[in-house]
Amino acid sequence: MRSMTGFGRGVAANNNADVSFSVEICSINRKQFDLRTVLPPELSSLEPLLRNTISGKISRGAVNAKVQIQLGPQATREAVHLNSSLLEGLVEKSRQLADRLGLKEDVMIRDFMQIPGVIELSTPDLDLPGIQDTFMEAVTMAMRELISMKENEGAHIREDISARIEILKSLVDEIEPLAQEIPEKQKIKLLQRLENSGLGVDCDDERILREIVIYSDKADVSEEITRLKSHFKQFDGYLNNGSEPAGRSLDFLIQEFNRETTTLGNKAAGCAISPLVVKMKTELEKIREQVQNIE
């Protein structure tokens, strides 16, 4: 099980090309998968490779990936190019303008270096042998750290959820014998109310007794308890299945837990079961918050 929160960083260098890559990948909670990448323009051709690698290993969460490239001394020297033609033209035009306006000629080469296009930086050749391998080495390292952090946090989440599921199981075990008494208690209560109503109704009338039995049977919660126990088994299965993302499935089961617990509480309102249902809802809310962190 993995959390949706994590961070990983990877750095790899290619000595032959005198370049290195730095990759940072972080993820936070989100119901769907959302990937955003930031790469220098010269690395745009590598973006599909980055996206495919991340999306192949992460199924849910908001993921941000940032890539940087660093040039070594040799690569930096080779990347810098002076546009001599442009520089010469600028110097000549500057002198001509100074002559025409009668200004003192004070041309300094360094003044022209800041003009766009005079100094050109060439991008590294990404087709050189090993460049993409180096890039992927940095990506793989970052992904390995990210997943490791997600799995460590996921283990703590699983431990917390498992403990709360055990509390829910014990509450259901406590509710079950009490629930068996509900239909009979409802029947007795209805008969008592009829006797006290002063309406002159014959409480021994077969038709009235049949309606009372039908009404009291509606308070039977055995179906809800059976479904809750079934959900417990499914939930345990997802918690202990470390090979597949379980976040969406667990989120669905929590909704089912809440639905059955609410129905149980409505049917058993006003009896000894009600405080236990409140405890169940409290634990379910805590589990729901944790499930929202699971990939």
C-alpha atoms as a PDB file:
ATOM      1  CA  MET A   1       0.000   0.000   0.000  1.00  0.00           C
ATOM      2  CA  ARG A   2       1.223   3.447  -0.888  1.00  0.00           C
ATOM      3  CA  SER A   3       0.418   6.912   0.326  1.00  0.00           C
ATOM      4  CA  MET A   4      -0.200   9.557  -2.326  1.00  0.00           C
ATOM      5  CA  THR A   5       2.337  11.852  -0.656  1.00  0.00           C
ATOM      6  CA  GLY A   6       6.044  11.599  -1.374  1.00  0.00           C
ATOM      7  CA  PHE A   7       9.185  13.164  -2.791  1.00  0.00           C
ATOM      8  CA  GLY A   8      12.151  11.835  -4.710  1.00  0.00           C
ATOM      9  CA  ARG A   9      15.279  13.330  -6.255  1.00  0.00           C
ATOM     10  CA  GLY A  10      17.737  11.833  -8.711  1.00  0.00           C
ATOM     11  CA  VAL A  11      21.004  13.097 -10.184  1.00  0.00           C
ATOM     12  CA  ALA A  12      23.042  11.441 -12.923  1.00  0.00           C
ATOM     13  CA  ALA A  13      26.048  12.628 -14.927  1.00  0.00           C
ATOM     14  CA  ASN A  14      27.393  11.755 -18.364  1.00  0.00           C
ATOM     15  CA  ASN A  15      31.139  12.362 -18.329  1.00  0.00           C
ATOM     16  CA  ASN A  16      31.568  11.906 -22.069  1.00  0.00           C
ATOM     17  CA  ALA A  17      29.093  14.689 -22.872  1.00  0.00           C
ATOM     18  CA  ASP A  18      30.058  16.650 -19.722  1.00  0.00           C
ATOM     19  CA  VAL A  19      26.394  17.122 -18.711  1.00  0.00           C
ATOM     20  CA  SER A  20      24.315  16.053 -15.721  1.00  0.00           C
ATOM     21  CA  PHE A  21      20.587  15.829 -15.067  1.00  0.00           C
ATOM     22  CA  SER A  22      18.712  16.660 -11.876  1.00  0.00           C
ATOM     23  CA  VAL A  23      15.155  15.325 -11.515  1.00  0.00           C
ATOM     24  CA  GLU A  24      12.751  16.098  -8.661  1.00  0.00           C
ATOM     25  CA  ILE A  25       9.346  14.405  -8.409  1.00  0.00           C
ATOM     26  CA  CYS A  26       6.782  15.094  -5.713  1.00  0.00           C
ATOM     27  CA  SER A  27       3.187  13.957  -5.276  1.00  0.00           C
ATOM     28  CA  ILE A  28       0.245  15.008  -3.122  1.00  0.00           C
ATOM     29  CA  ASN A  29      -3.353  13.893  -2.625  1.00  0.00           C
ATOM     30  CA  ARG A  30      -5.831  14.037  -5.493  1.00  0.00           C
ATOM     31  CA  LYS A  31      -8.670  11.706  -6.471  1.00  0.00           C
ATOM     32  CA  GLN A  32      -7.455  11.369 -10.056  1.00  0.00           C
ATOM     33  CA  PHE A  33      -3.990  11.193 -11.624  1.00  0.00           C
ATOM     34  CA  ASP A  34      -2.668  14.614 -12.626  1.00  0.00           C
ATOM     35  CA  LEU A  35       0.905  15.044 -13.882  1.00  0.00           C
ATOM     36  CA  ARG A  36       2.650  18.356 -14.454  1.00  0.00           C
ATOM     37  CA  THR A  37       6.184  18.596 -15.803  1.00  0.00           C
ATOM     38  CA  VAL A  38       8.701  21.435 -15.944  1.00  0.00           C
ATOM     39  CA  LEU A  39      11.634  20.981 -18.324  1.00  0.00           C
ATOM     40  CA  PRO A  40      14.035  23.400 -20.034  1.00  0.00           C
ATOM     41  CA  PRO A  41      13.063  24.001 -23.692  1.00  0.00           C
ATOM     42  CA  GLU A  42      16.107  22.074 -24.916  1.00  0.00           C
ATOM     43  CA  LEU A  43      14.824  18.941 -23.120  1.00  0.00           C
ATOM     44  CA  SER A  44      11.295  19.052 -24.536  1.00  0.00           C
ATOM     45  CA  SER A  45      11.968  15.967 -26.661  1.00  0.00           C
ATOM     46  CA  LEU A  46      12.472  13.969 -23.451  1.00  0.00           C
ATOM     47  CA  GLU A  47       9.120  14.947 -21.918  1.00  0.00           C
ATOM     48  CA  PRO A  48       7.137  11.989 -23.376  1.00  0.00           C
ATOM     49  CA  LEU A  49       9.725   9.603 -21.933  1.00  0.00           C
ATOM     50  CA  LEU A  50       9.378  11.262 -18.516  1.00  0.00           C
ATOM     51  CA  ARG A  51       5.576  11.199 -18.617  1.00  0.00           C
ATOM     52  CA  ASN A  52       5.384   7.557 -19.673  1.00  0.00           C
ATOM     53  CA  THR A  53       7.759   6.509 -16.915  1.00  0.00           C
ATOM     54  CA  ILE A  54       5.821   8.296 -14.169  1.00  0.00           C
ATOM     55  CA  SER A  55       2.329   7.367 -15.367  1.00  0.00           C
ATOM     56  CA  GLY A  56       3.406   3.738 -15.620  1.00  0.00           C
ATOM     57  CA  LYS A  57       4.194   3.610 -11.894  1.00  0.00           C
ATOM     58  CA  ILE A  58       1.706   6.011 -10.276  1.00  0.00           C
ATOM     59  CA  SER A  59      -2.068   5.676 -10.649  1.00  0.00           C
ATOM     60  CA  ARG A  60      -3.493   8.436  -8.454  1.00  0.00           C
ATOM     61  CA  GLY A  61      -2.461  11.808  -7.042  1.00  0.00           C
ATOM     62  CA  ALA A  62      -1.167  15.178  -8.217  1.00  0.00           C
ATOM     63  CA  VAL A  63       2.423  14.700  -9.397  1.00  0.00           C
ATOM     64  CA  ASN A  64       4.896  17.453 -10.205  1.00  0.00           C
ATOM     65  CA  ALA A  65       8.166  16.649 -11.993  1.00  0.00           C
ATOM     66  CA  LYS A  66      10.977  19.156 -12.476  1.00  0.00           C
ATOM     67  CA  VAL A  67      14.038  18.499 -14.633  1.00  0.00           C
ATOM     68  CA  GLN A  68      17.223  20.549 -14.833  1.00  0.00           C
ATOM     69  CA  ILE A  69      20.355  20.091 -16.931  1.00  0.00           C
ATOM     70  CA  GLN A  70      23.799  21.257 -15.860  1.00  0.00           C
ATOM     71  CA  LEU A  71      26.676  21.706 -18.300  1.00  0.00           C
ATOM     72  CA  GLY A  72      30.220  20.995 -17.169  1.00  0.00           C
ATOM     73  CA  PRO A  73      33.162  23.323 -18.005  1.00  0.00           C
ATOM     74  CA  GLN A  74      33.947  21.668 -21.322  1.00  0.00           C
ATOM     75  CA  ALA A  75      30.311  21.493 -22.415  1.00  0.00           C
ATOM     76  CA  THR A  76      29.798  25.119 -21.397  1.00  0.00           C
ATOM     77  CA  ARG A  77      32.734  26.288 -23.516  1.00  0.00           C
ATOM     78  CA  GLU A  78      31.477  24.324 -26.479  1.00  0.00           C
ATOM     79  CA  ALA A  79      27.923  25.614 -26.002  1.00  0.00           C
ATOM     80  CA  VAL A  80      28.917  29.297 -26.162  1.00  0.00           C
ATOM     81  CA  HIS A  81      29.040  30.764 -29.667  1.00  0.00           C
ATOM     82  CA  LEU A  82      29.725  34.346 -30.680  1.00  0.00           C
ATOM     83  CA  ASN A  83      27.704  35.694 -33.590  1.00  0.00           C
ATOM     84  CA  SER A  84      30.612  37.607 -35.145  1.00  0.00           C
ATOM     85  CA  SER A  85      28.640  38.859 -38.120  1.00  0.00           C
ATOM     86  CA  LEU A  86      25.985  40.386 -35.889  1.00  0.00           C
ATOM     87  CA  LEU A  87      28.595  41.901 -33.568  1.00  0.00           C
ATOM     88  CA  GLU A  88      30.575  43.426 -36.438  1.00  0.00           C
ATOM     89  CA  GLY A  89      27.419  44.877 -37.942  1.00  0.00           C
ATOM     90  CA  LEU A  90      26.402  46.400 -34.601  1.00  0.00           C
ATOM     91  CA  VAL A  91      29.827  47.978 -34.095  1.00  0.00           C
ATOM     92  CA  GLU A  92      29.877  49.398 -37.633  1.00  0.00           C
ATOM     93  CA  LYS A  93      26.372  50.819 -37.336  1.00  0.00           C
ATOM     94  CA  SER A  94      27.257  52.345 -33.972  1.00  0.00           C
ATOM     95  CA  ARG A  95      30.301  54.110 -35.433  1.00  0.00           C
ATOM     96  CA  GLN A  96      28.351  55.389 -38.420  1.00  0.00           C
ATOM     97  CA  LEU A  97      25.670  56.785 -36.133  1.00  0.00           C
ATOM     98  CA  ALA A  98      28.271  58.463 -33.930  1.00  0.00           C
ATOM     99  CA  ASP A  99      29.888  60.104 -37.007  1.00  0.00           C
ATOM    100  CA  ARG A 100      26.556  61.309 -38.361  1.00  0.00           C
ATOM    101  CA  LEU A 101      25.490  62.839 -35.073  1.00  0.00           C
ATOM    102  CA  GLY A 102      28.915  64.239 -34.261  1.00  0.00           C
ATOM    103  CA  LEU A 103      29.195  62.206 -31.090  1.00  0.00           C
ATOM    104  CA  LYS A 104      32.398  61.007 -29.516  1.00  0.00           C
ATOM    105  CA  GLU A 105      33.017  57.436 -30.513  1.00  0.00           C
ATOM    106  CA  ASP A 106      33.117  55.321 -27.381  1.00  0.00           C
ATOM    107  CA  VAL A 107      32.380  51.785 -28.508  1.00  0.00           C
ATOM    108  CA  MET A 108      33.128  48.969 -26.021  1.00  0.00           C
ATOM    109  CA  ILE A 109      32.723  45.362 -27.122  1.00  0.00           C
ATOM    110  CA  ARG A 110      31.305  44.333 -23.755  1.00  0.00           C
ATOM    111  CA  ASP A 111      28.415  46.763 -24.305  1.00  0.00           C
ATOM    112  CA  PHE A 112      27.232  44.644 -27.200  1.00  0.00           C
ATOM    113  CA  MET A 113      27.496  41.295 -25.435  1.00  0.00           C
ATOM    114  CA  GLN A 114      24.165  41.811 -23.665  1.00  0.00           C
ATOM    115  CA  ILE A 115      22.251  42.297 -26.895  1.00  0.00           C
ATOM    116  CA  PRO A 116      20.126  39.233 -27.689  1.00  0.00           C
ATOM    117  CA  GLY A 117      21.644  37.103 -30.426  1.00  0.00           C
ATOM    118  CA  VAL A 118      25.276  38.244 -30.002  1.00  0.00           C
ATOM    119  CA  ILE A 119      26.012  35.395 -27.565  1.00  0.00           C
ATOM    120  CA  GLU A 120      24.353  32.154 -28.551  1.00  0.00           C
ATOM    121  CA  LEU A 121      24.112  29.037 -26.404  1.00  0.00           C
ATOM    122  CA  SER A 122      23.735  25.806 -28.274  1.00  0.00           C
ATOM    123  CA  THR A 123      21.764  22.976 -26.717  1.00  0.00           C
ATOM    124  CA  PRO A 124      23.505  19.689 -25.985  1.00  0.00           C
ATOM    125  CA  ASP A 125      23.076  16.965 -28.548  1.00  0.00           C
ATOM    126  CA  LEU A 126      20.530  14.659 -26.962  1.00  0.00           C
ATOM    127  CA  ASP A 127      21.161  12.060 -29.638  1.00  0.00           C
ATOM    128  CA  LEU A 128      24.675  11.417 -28.387  1.00  0.00           C
ATOM    129  CA  PRO A 129      25.178   7.855 -27.131  1.00  0.00           C
ATOM    130  CA  GLY A 130      24.196   7.511 -23.484  1.00  0.00           C
ATOM    131  CA  ILE A 131      22.487  10.898 -23.040  1.00  0.00           C
ATOM    132  CA  GLN A 132      18.985   9.460 -22.742  1.00  0.00           C
ATOM    133  CA  ASP A 133      20.320   6.653 -20.562  1.00  0.00           C
ATOM    134  CA  THR A 134      21.764   9.248 -18.202  1.00  0.00           C
ATOM    135  CA  PHE A 135      18.476  11.118 -18.173  1.00  0.00           C
ATOM    136  CA  MET A 136      16.572   7.924 -17.374  1.00  0.00           C
ATOM    137  CA  GLU A 137      19.073   7.078 -14.654  1.00  0.00           C
ATOM    138  CA  ALA A 138      18.175  10.346 -12.881  1.00  0.00           C
ATOM    139  CA  VAL A 139      14.441   9.760 -13.426  1.00  0.00           C
ATOM    140  CA  THR A 140      14.655   6.196 -12.110  1.00  0.00           C
ATOM    141  CA  MET A 141      16.535   7.331  -9.012  1.00  0.00           C
ATOM    142  CA  ALA A 142      13.927  10.016  -8.287  1.00  0.00           C
ATOM    143  CA  MET A 143      11.070   7.542  -8.810  1.00  0.00           C
ATOM    144  CA  ARG A 144      12.732   4.996  -6.537  1.00  0.00           C
ATOM    145  CA  GLU A 145      13.007   7.541  -3.706  1.00  0.00           C
ATOM    146  CA  LEU A 146       9.455   8.765  -4.292  1.00  0.00           C
ATOM    147  CA  ILE A 147       7.931   5.280  -4.214  1.00  0.00           C
ATOM    148  CA  SER A 148       9.984   4.318  -1.170  1.00  0.00           C
ATOM    149  CA  MET A 149       8.613   7.318   0.748  1.00  0.00           C
ATOM    150  CA  LYS A 150       5.070   6.567  -0.444  1.00  0.00           C
ATOM    151  CA  GLU A 151       5.349   2.932   0.679  1.00  0.00           C
ATOM    152  CA  ASN A 152       6.774   3.845   4.088  1.00  0.00           C
ATOM    153  CA  GLU A 153       3.955   6.269   4.758  1.00  0.00           C
ATOM    154  CA  GLY A 154       1.464   3.784   3.325  1.00  0.00           C
ATOM    155  CA  ALA A 155       2.608   1.176   5.853  1.00  0.00           C
ATOM    156  CA  HIS A 156       1.838   3.561   8.725  1.00  0.00           C
ATOM    157  CA  ILE A 157      -1.576   4.363   7.225  1.00  0.00           C
ATOM    158  CA  ARG A 158      -2.381   0.658   6.837  1.00  0.00           C
ATOM    159  CA  GLU A 159      -1.432   0.030  10.466  1.00  0.00           C
ATOM    160  CA  ASP A 160      -3.719   2.827  11.669  1.00  0.00           C
ATOM    161  CA  ILE A 161      -6.644   1.750   9.480  1.00  0.00           C
ATOM    162  CA  SER A 162      -6.273  -1.910  10.491  1.00  0.00           C
ATOM    163  CA  ALA A 163      -6.488  -0.956  14.158  1.00  0.00           C
ATOM    164  CA  ARG A 164      -9.660   1.048  13.541  1.00  0.00           C
ATOM    165  CA  ILE A 165     -11.223  -1.750  11.490  1.00  0.00           C
ATOM    166  CA  GLU A 166     -10.700  -4.046  14.476  1.00  0.00           C
ATOM    167  CA  ILE A 167     -12.558  -1.530  16.636  1.00  0.00           C
ATOM    168  CA  LEU A 168     -15.429  -1.557  14.133  1.00  0.00           C
ATOM    169  CA  LYS A 169     -15.514  -5.363  14.155  1.00  0.00           C
ATOM    170  CA  SER A 170     -15.729  -5.423  17.943  1.00  0.00           C
ATOM    171  CA  LEU A 171     -18.545  -2.869  17.867  1.00  0.00           C
ATOM    172  CA  VAL A 172     -20.497  -4.953  15.351  1.00  0.00           C
ATOM    173  CA  ASP A 173     -19.954  -8.045  17.540  1.00  0.00           C
ATOM    174  CA  GLU A 174     -21.351  -6.060  20.453  1.00  0.00           C
ATOM    175  CA  ILE A 175     -24.315  -4.840  18.407  1.00  0.00           C
ATOM    176  CA  GLU A 176     -25.282  -8.222  16.942  1.00  0.00           C
ATOM    177  CA  PRO A 177     -26.830  -9.837  20.096  1.00  0.00           C
ATOM    178  CA  LEU A 178     -28.582  -6.571  20.954  1.00  0.00           C
ATOM    179  CA  ALA A 179     -29.978  -6.352  17.434  1.00  0.00           C
ATOM    180  CA  GLN A 180     -31.668  -9.731  17.718  1.00  0.00           C
ATOM    181  CA  GLU A 181     -33.904  -8.320  20.442  1.00  0.00           C
ATOM    182  CA  ILE A 182     -35.064  -5.281  18.454  1.00  0.00           C
ATOM    183  CA  PRO A 183     -38.055  -6.824  16.530  1.00  0.00           C
ATOM    184  CA  GLU A 184     -39.542  -8.351  19.679  1.00  0.00           C
ATOM    185  CA  LYS A 185     -39.071  -5.145  21.653  1.00  0.00           C
ATOM    186  CA  GLN A 186     -40.720  -3.181  18.847  1.00  0.00           C
ATOM    187  CA  LYS A 187     -43.650  -5.602  18.859  1.00  0.00           C
ATOM    188  CA  ILE A 188     -44.114  -5.264  22.631  1.00  0.00           C
ATOM    189  CA  LYS A 189     -43.839  -1.482  22.405  1.00  0.00           C
ATOM    190  CA  LEU A 190     -46.484  -1.275  19.666  1.00  0.00           C
ATOM    191  CA  LEU A 191     -48.887  -3.532  21.562  1.00  0.00           C
ATOM    192  CA  GLN A 192     -48.415  -1.458  24.675  1.00  0.00           C
ATOM    193  CA  ARG A 193     -49.147   1.744  22.788  1.00  0.00           C
ATOM    194  CA  LEU A 194     -52.310   0.228  21.335  1.00  0.00           C
ATOM    195  CA  GLU A 195     -53.499  -0.830  24.775  1.00  0.00           C
ATOM    196  CA  ASN A 196     -52.820   2.627  26.159  1.00  0.00           C
ATOM    197  CA  SER A 197     -54.402   4.456  23.215  1.00  0.00           C
ATOM    198  CA  GLY A 198     -57.972   4.125  24.492  1.00  0.00           C
ATOM    199  CA  LEU A 199     -59.198   3.465  20.951  1.00  0.00           C
ATOM    200  CA  GLY A 200     -60.899   0.218  21.862  1.00  0.00           C
ATOM    201  CA  VAL A 201     -58.757  -1.797  19.514  1.00  0.00           C
ATOM    202  CA  ASP A 202     -58.675  -5.541  20.037  1.00  0.00           C
ATOM    203  CA  CYS A 203     -54.979  -6.334  20.424  1.00  0.00           C
ATOM    204  CA  ASP A 204     -55.731 -10.043  19.898  1.00  0.00           C
ATOM    205  CA  ASP A 205     -57.123  -9.397  16.437  1.00  0.00           C
ATOM    206  CA  GLU A 206     -55.143 -11.531  13.998  1.00  0.00           C
ATOM    207  CA  ARG A 207     -55.011  -8.790  11.367  1.00  0.00           C
ATOM    208  CA  ILE A 208     -53.630  -6.266  13.837  1.00  0.00           C
ATOM    209  CA  LEU A 209     -51.081  -8.745  15.147  1.00  0.00           C
ATOM    210  CA  ARG A 210     -49.967  -9.502  11.595  1.00  0.00           C
ATOM    211  CA  GLU A 211     -49.447  -5.796  10.844  1.00  0.00           C
ATOM    212  CA  ILE A 212     -47.540  -5.349  14.099  1.00  0.00           C
ATOM    213  CA  VAL A 213     -45.232  -8.254  13.248  1.00  0.00           C
ATOM    214  CA  ILE A 214     -44.594  -6.862   9.761  1.00  0.00           C
ATOM    215  CA  TYR A 215     -43.838  -3.402  11.149  1.00  0.00           C
ATOM    216  CA  SER A 216     -41.551  -4.721  13.890  1.00  0.00           C
ATOM    217  CA  ASP A 217     -39.670  -6.895  11.394  1.00  0.00           C
ATOM    218  CA  LYS A 218     -38.682  -3.736   9.558  1.00  0.00           C
ATOM    219  CA  ALA A 219     -36.470  -2.974  12.539  1.00  0.00           C
ATOM    220  CA  ASP A 220     -34.475  -6.154  11.893  1.00  0.00           C
ATOM    221  CA  VAL A 221     -30.836  -5.182  11.191  1.00  0.00           C
ATOM    222  CA  SER A 222     -29.437  -8.647  10.526  1.00  0.00           C
ATOM    223  CA  GLU A 223     -29.059  -7.821   6.814  1.00  0.00           C
ATOM    224  CA  GLU A 224     -27.015  -4.694   7.595  1.00  0.00           C
ATOM    225  CA  ILE A 225     -24.789  -6.632   9.996  1.00  0.00           C
ATOM    226  CA  THR A 226     -24.197  -9.357   7.388  1.00  0.00           C
ATOM    227  CA  ARG A 227     -23.210  -6.751   4.807  1.00  0.00           C
ATOM    228  CA  LEU A 228     -20.890  -5.012   7.263  1.00  0.00           C
ATOM    229  CA  LYS A 229     -19.108  -8.302   7.960  1.00  0.00           C
ATOM    230  CA  SER A 230     -18.781  -8.882   4.221  1.00  0.00           C
ATOM    231  CA  HIS A 231     -17.303  -5.409   3.782  1.00  0.00           C
ATOM    232  CA  PHE A 232     -14.806  -6.140   6.551  1.00  0.00           C
ATOM    233  CA  LYS A 233     -13.474  -9.128   4.574  1.00  0.00           C
ATOM    234  CA  GLN A 234     -13.229  -7.092   1.376  1.00  0.00           C
ATOM    235  CA  PHE A 235     -11.538  -4.244   3.202  1.00  0.00           C
ATOM    236  CA  ASP A 236      -8.960  -6.576   4.757  1.00  0.00           C
ATOM    237  CA  GLY A 237      -8.258  -8.017   1.329  1.00  0.00           C
ATOM    238  CA  TYR A 238      -7.502  -4.619  -0.174  1.00  0.00           C
ATOM    239  CA  LEU A 239      -5.419  -3.547   2.839  1.00  0.00           C
ATOM    240  CA  ASN A 240      -3.194  -6.601   2.540  1.00  0.00           C
ATOM    241  CA  ASN A 241      -2.882  -6.602  -1.253  1.00  0.00           C
ATOM    242  CA  GLY A 242       0.375  -4.734  -1.792  1.00  0.00           C
ATOM    243  CA  SER A 243       0.589  -5.343  -5.542  1.00  0.00           C
ATOM    244  CA  GLU A 244      -2.312  -3.171  -6.737  1.00  0.00           C
ATOM    245  CA  PRO A 245      -3.429   0.397  -5.925  1.00  0.00           C
ATOM    246  CA  ALA A 246      -6.323   0.157  -3.458  1.00  0.00           C
ATOM    247  CA  GLY A 247      -7.298   3.766  -2.801  1.00  0.00           C
ATOM    248  CA  ARG A 248     -10.376   3.934  -5.052  1.00  0.00           C
ATOM    249  CA  SER A 249     -11.686   0.549  -3.891  1.00  0.00           C
ATOM    250  CA  LEU A 250     -11.256   1.435  -0.225  1.00  0.00           C
ATOM    251  CA  ASP A 251     -12.932   4.776  -0.795  1.00  0.00           C
ATOM    252  CA  PHE A 252     -15.948   2.982  -2.296  1.00  0.00           C
ATOM    253  CA  LEU A 253     -16.120   0.520   0.609  1.00  0.00           C
ATOM    254  CA  ILE A 254     -16.066   3.356   3.139  1.00  0.00           C
ATOM    255  CA  GLN A 255     -19.160   4.775   1.450  1.00  0.00           C
ATOM    256  CA  GLU A 256     -20.823   1.357   1.748  1.00  0.00           C
ATOM    257  CA  PHE A 257     -19.818   1.131   5.415  1.00  0.00           C
ATOM    258  CA  ASN A 258     -21.413   4.503   6.076  1.00  0.00           C
ATOM    259  CA  ARG A 259     -24.592   3.550   4.222  1.00  0.00           C
ATOM    260  CA  GLU A 260     -25.098   0.324   6.199  1.00  0.00           C
ATOM    261  CA  THR A 261     -24.192   1.972   9.499  1.00  0.00           C
ATOM    262  CA  THR A 262     -26.642   4.816   8.896  1.00  0.00           C
ATOM    263  CA  THR A 263     -29.436   2.342   8.107  1.00  0.00           C
ATOM    264  CA  LEU A 264     -28.568   0.323  11.194  1.00  0.00           C
ATOM    265  CA  GLY A 265     -28.672   3.464  13.325  1.00  0.00           C
ATOM    266  CA  ASN A 266     -32.041   4.540  11.920  1.00  0.00           C
ATOM    267  CA  LYS A 267     -33.633   1.143  12.579  1.00  0.00           C
ATOM    268  CA  ALA A 268     -32.169   0.868  16.085  1.00  0.00           C
ATOM    269  CA  ALA A 269     -32.804   4.480  17.106  1.00  0.00           C
ATOM    270  CA  GLY A 270     -33.529   4.960  20.776  1.00  0.00           C
ATOM    271  CA  CYS A 271     -32.143   1.649  22.009  1.00  0.00           C
ATOM    272  CA  ALA A 272     -28.793   0.532  23.445  1.00  0.00           C
ATOM    273  CA  ILE A 273     -27.381   0.182  19.940  1.00  0.00           C
ATOM    274  CA  SER A 274     -27.455   3.929  19.197  1.00  0.00           C
ATOM    275  CA  PRO A 275     -24.333   4.859  21.233  1.00  0.00           C
ATOM    276  CA  LEU A 276     -22.437   2.029  19.534  1.00  0.00           C
ATOM    277  CA  VAL A 277     -23.492   3.301  16.101  1.00  0.00           C
ATOM    278  CA  VAL A 278     -22.182   6.746  17.032  1.00  0.00           C
ATOM    279  CA  LYS A 279     -18.815   5.172  17.896  1.00  0.00           C
ATOM    280  CA  MET A 280     -18.824   3.354  14.559  1.00  0.00           C
ATOM    281  CA  LYS A 281     -19.463   6.570  12.651  1.00  0.00           C
ATOM    282  CA  THR A 282     -16.613   8.275  14.512  1.00  0.00           C
ATOM    283  CA  GLU A 283     -14.180   5.516  13.552  1.00  0.00           C
ATOM    284  CA  LEU A 284     -15.450   5.447   9.968  1.00  0.00           C
ATOM    285  CA  GLU A 285     -14.801   9.170   9.593  1.00  0.00           C
ATOM    286  CA  LYS A 286     -11.214   8.707  10.792  1.00  0.00           C
ATOM    287  CA  ILE A 287     -10.745   5.811   8.363  1.00  0.00           C
ATOM    288  CA  ARG A 288     -12.241   7.863   5.529  1.00  0.00           C
ATOM    289  CA  GLU A 289      -9.697  10.634   6.126  1.00  0.00           C
ATOM    290  CA  GLN A 290      -6.856   8.107   6.006  1.00  0.00           C
ATOM    291  CA  VAL A 291      -8.194   6.398   2.875  1.00  0.00           C
ATOM    292  CA  GLN A 292      -8.071   9.747   1.068  1.00  0.00           C
ATOM    293  CA  ASN A 293      -4.267   9.551   1.441  1.00  0.00           C
ATOM    294  CA  ILE A 294      -3.975   6.150  -0.234  1.00  0.00           C
ATOM    295  CA  GLU A 295      -2.973   5.767  -3.879  1.00  0.00           C
END
